Amino acid sequence: MPGMTGYDLLRKIKESSLLKNIPVVIMSSENVPSRINRCLEQGAEEFFLMPVRLSDLNRLRPHIIKTKSKDQNQEKPRTHEEEEASQKLEMS
């Protein structure tokens, strides 16, 4: 990503009151334990080493189900602030 690392994006998401509940999965070819631990400590749900395997994708199922049920319980339109936060992240 130009201008930002994946870790920077993770930090921005987790610091945002509007976005912090978004589950974040990190995928990287760098097998550096300190970096993996740093991402998990900062709120990443999972860290996958590339190439990603089918068994890795199966680990996503609980996170998808959790997010889907949370969305169904809330089912409210996005607020103006949520839209703005989303657009700012896309522009970063």
C-alpha atoms as a PDB file:
ATOM      1  CA  MET A   1       0.000   0.000   0.000  1.00  0.00           C
ATOM      2  CA  PRO A   2       1.527   3.286  -0.956  1.00  0.00           C
ATOM      3  CA  GLY A   3       2.031   5.707   1.911  1.00  0.00           C
ATOM      4  CA  MET A   4       0.917   3.340   4.653  1.00  0.00           C
ATOM      5  CA  THR A   5       1.844  -0.081   5.983  1.00  0.00           C
ATOM      6  CA  GLY A   6      -0.685  -2.747   6.869  1.00  0.00           C
ATOM      7  CA  TYR A   7       0.199  -2.195  10.506  1.00  0.00           C
ATOM      8  CA  ASP A   8      -0.556   1.534  10.144  1.00  0.00           C
ATOM      9  CA  LEU A   9      -3.957   0.687   8.702  1.00  0.00           C
ATOM     10  CA  LEU A  10      -4.665  -1.769  11.518  1.00  0.00           C
ATOM     11  CA  ARG A  11      -3.773   0.891  14.082  1.00  0.00           C
ATOM     12  CA  LYS A  12      -6.032   3.491  12.407  1.00  0.00           C
ATOM     13  CA  ILE A  13      -8.950   1.085  12.322  1.00  0.00           C
ATOM     14  CA  LYS A  14      -8.542   0.029  15.950  1.00  0.00           C
ATOM     15  CA  GLU A  15      -8.142   3.642  17.145  1.00  0.00           C
ATOM     16  CA  SER A  16     -11.363   4.724  15.429  1.00  0.00           C
ATOM     17  CA  SER A  17     -14.465   4.582  17.595  1.00  0.00           C
ATOM     18  CA  LEU A  18     -16.530   3.977  14.458  1.00  0.00           C
ATOM     19  CA  LEU A  19     -14.370   1.275  12.893  1.00  0.00           C
ATOM     20  CA  LYS A  20     -12.736  -0.519  15.809  1.00  0.00           C
ATOM     21  CA  ASN A  21     -15.220  -3.415  15.745  1.00  0.00           C
ATOM     22  CA  ILE A  22     -14.309  -4.368  12.189  1.00  0.00           C
ATOM     23  CA  PRO A  23     -12.459  -7.696  12.304  1.00  0.00           C
ATOM     24  CA  VAL A  24      -9.013  -7.328  10.725  1.00  0.00           C
ATOM     25  CA  VAL A  25      -7.072 -10.241   9.239  1.00  0.00           C
ATOM     26  CA  ILE A  26      -3.426  -9.732   8.343  1.00  0.00           C
ATOM     27  CA  MET A  27      -1.890 -11.675   5.464  1.00  0.00           C
ATOM     28  CA  SER A  28       1.848 -11.420   4.943  1.00  0.00           C
ATOM     29  CA  SER A  29       4.772 -13.351   3.564  1.00  0.00           C
ATOM     30  CA  GLU A  30       6.971 -12.095   6.409  1.00  0.00           C
ATOM     31  CA  ASN A  31       7.361 -14.815   9.005  1.00  0.00           C
ATOM     32  CA  VAL A  32       8.717 -12.562  11.754  1.00  0.00           C
ATOM     33  CA  PRO A  33       7.313 -13.571  15.175  1.00  0.00           C
ATOM     34  CA  SER A  34       7.708 -10.086  16.682  1.00  0.00           C
ATOM     35  CA  ARG A  35       5.674  -8.534  13.834  1.00  0.00           C
ATOM     36  CA  ILE A  36       3.024 -11.245  14.033  1.00  0.00           C
ATOM     37  CA  ASN A  37       2.676 -10.744  17.798  1.00  0.00           C
ATOM     38  CA  ARG A  38       2.549  -6.967  17.383  1.00  0.00           C
ATOM     39  CA  CYS A  39      -0.387  -7.223  14.959  1.00  0.00           C
ATOM     40  CA  LEU A  40      -2.279  -9.645  17.194  1.00  0.00           C
ATOM     41  CA  GLU A  41      -1.624  -7.505  20.279  1.00  0.00           C
ATOM     42  CA  GLN A  42      -2.926  -4.428  18.437  1.00  0.00           C
ATOM     43  CA  GLY A  43      -6.231  -6.123  17.631  1.00  0.00           C
ATOM     44  CA  ALA A  44      -5.877  -8.223  14.488  1.00  0.00           C
ATOM     45  CA  GLU A  45      -8.231 -11.194  14.663  1.00  0.00           C
ATOM     46  CA  GLU A  46      -5.892 -13.488  12.732  1.00  0.00           C
ATOM     47  CA  PHE A  47      -2.494 -13.445  11.057  1.00  0.00           C
ATOM     48  CA  PHE A  48      -1.994 -15.672   8.024  1.00  0.00           C
ATOM     49  CA  LEU A  49       1.310 -16.410   6.373  1.00  0.00           C
ATOM     50  CA  MET A  50       1.151 -16.425   2.599  1.00  0.00           C
ATOM     51  CA  PRO A  51       0.497 -18.456   0.654  1.00  0.00           C
ATOM     52  CA  VAL A  52      -2.812 -18.834   2.471  1.00  0.00           C
ATOM     53  CA  ARG A  53      -4.089 -22.399   2.824  1.00  0.00           C
ATOM     54  CA  LEU A  54      -7.646 -23.692   2.991  1.00  0.00           C
ATOM     55  CA  SER A  55      -7.145 -24.549   6.668  1.00  0.00           C
ATOM     56  CA  ASP A  56      -6.323 -20.880   7.277  1.00  0.00           C
ATOM     57  CA  LEU A  57      -9.563 -19.781   5.641  1.00  0.00           C
ATOM     58  CA  ASN A  58     -11.519 -22.158   7.859  1.00  0.00           C
ATOM     59  CA  ARG A  59     -10.208 -20.183  10.840  1.00  0.00           C
ATOM     60  CA  LEU A  60     -12.133 -17.164   9.516  1.00  0.00           C
ATOM     61  CA  ARG A  61     -15.541 -18.826   9.887  1.00  0.00           C
ATOM     62  CA  PRO A  62     -16.106 -17.841  13.570  1.00  0.00           C
ATOM     63  CA  HIS A  63     -15.219 -14.216  12.819  1.00  0.00           C
ATOM     64  CA  ILE A  64     -17.552 -14.066   9.828  1.00  0.00           C
ATOM     65  CA  ILE A  65     -20.406 -15.633  11.755  1.00  0.00           C
ATOM     66  CA  LYS A  66     -19.828 -13.289  14.718  1.00  0.00           C
ATOM     67  CA  THR A  67     -19.818 -10.233  12.462  1.00  0.00           C
ATOM     68  CA  LYS A  68     -22.836 -11.417  10.477  1.00  0.00           C
ATOM     69  CA  SER A  69     -24.940 -12.016  13.602  1.00  0.00           C
ATOM     70  CA  LYS A  70     -23.882  -8.644  15.040  1.00  0.00           C
ATOM     71  CA  ASP A  71     -24.902  -6.937  11.784  1.00  0.00           C
ATOM     72  CA  GLN A  72     -28.271  -8.692  11.771  1.00  0.00           C
ATOM     73  CA  ASN A  73     -28.933  -7.596  15.347  1.00  0.00           C
ATOM     74  CA  GLN A  74     -28.084  -3.980  14.609  1.00  0.00           C
ATOM     75  CA  GLU A  75     -29.386  -3.565  11.047  1.00  0.00           C
ATOM     76  CA  LYS A  76     -29.286   0.189  11.064  1.00  0.00           C
ATOM     77  CA  PRO A  77     -28.190   2.496   8.273  1.00  0.00           C
ATOM     78  CA  ARG A  78     -24.706   3.972   8.448  1.00  0.00           C
ATOM     79  CA  THR A  79     -24.453   7.377  10.049  1.00  0.00           C
ATOM     80  CA  HIS A  80     -22.900  10.329   8.293  1.00  0.00           C
ATOM     81  CA  GLU A  81     -19.884  10.011  10.617  1.00  0.00           C
ATOM     82  CA  GLU A  82     -19.426   6.340   9.711  1.00  0.00           C
ATOM     83  CA  GLU A  83     -19.522   7.179   6.005  1.00  0.00           C
ATOM     84  CA  GLU A  84     -16.935   9.937   6.488  1.00  0.00           C
ATOM     85  CA  ALA A  85     -14.628   7.675   8.502  1.00  0.00           C
ATOM     86  CA  SER A  86     -14.861   5.006   5.850  1.00  0.00           C
ATOM     87  CA  GLN A  87     -14.051   7.482   3.085  1.00  0.00           C
ATOM     88  CA  LYS A  88     -11.081   8.878   5.008  1.00  0.00           C
ATOM     89  CA  LEU A  89      -9.618   5.395   5.396  1.00  0.00           C
ATOM     90  CA  GLU A  90     -10.064   4.710   1.698  1.00  0.00           C
ATOM     91  CA  MET A  91      -8.231   7.932   0.866  1.00  0.00           C
ATOM     92  CA  SER A  92      -5.300   7.166   3.243  1.00  0.00           C
END
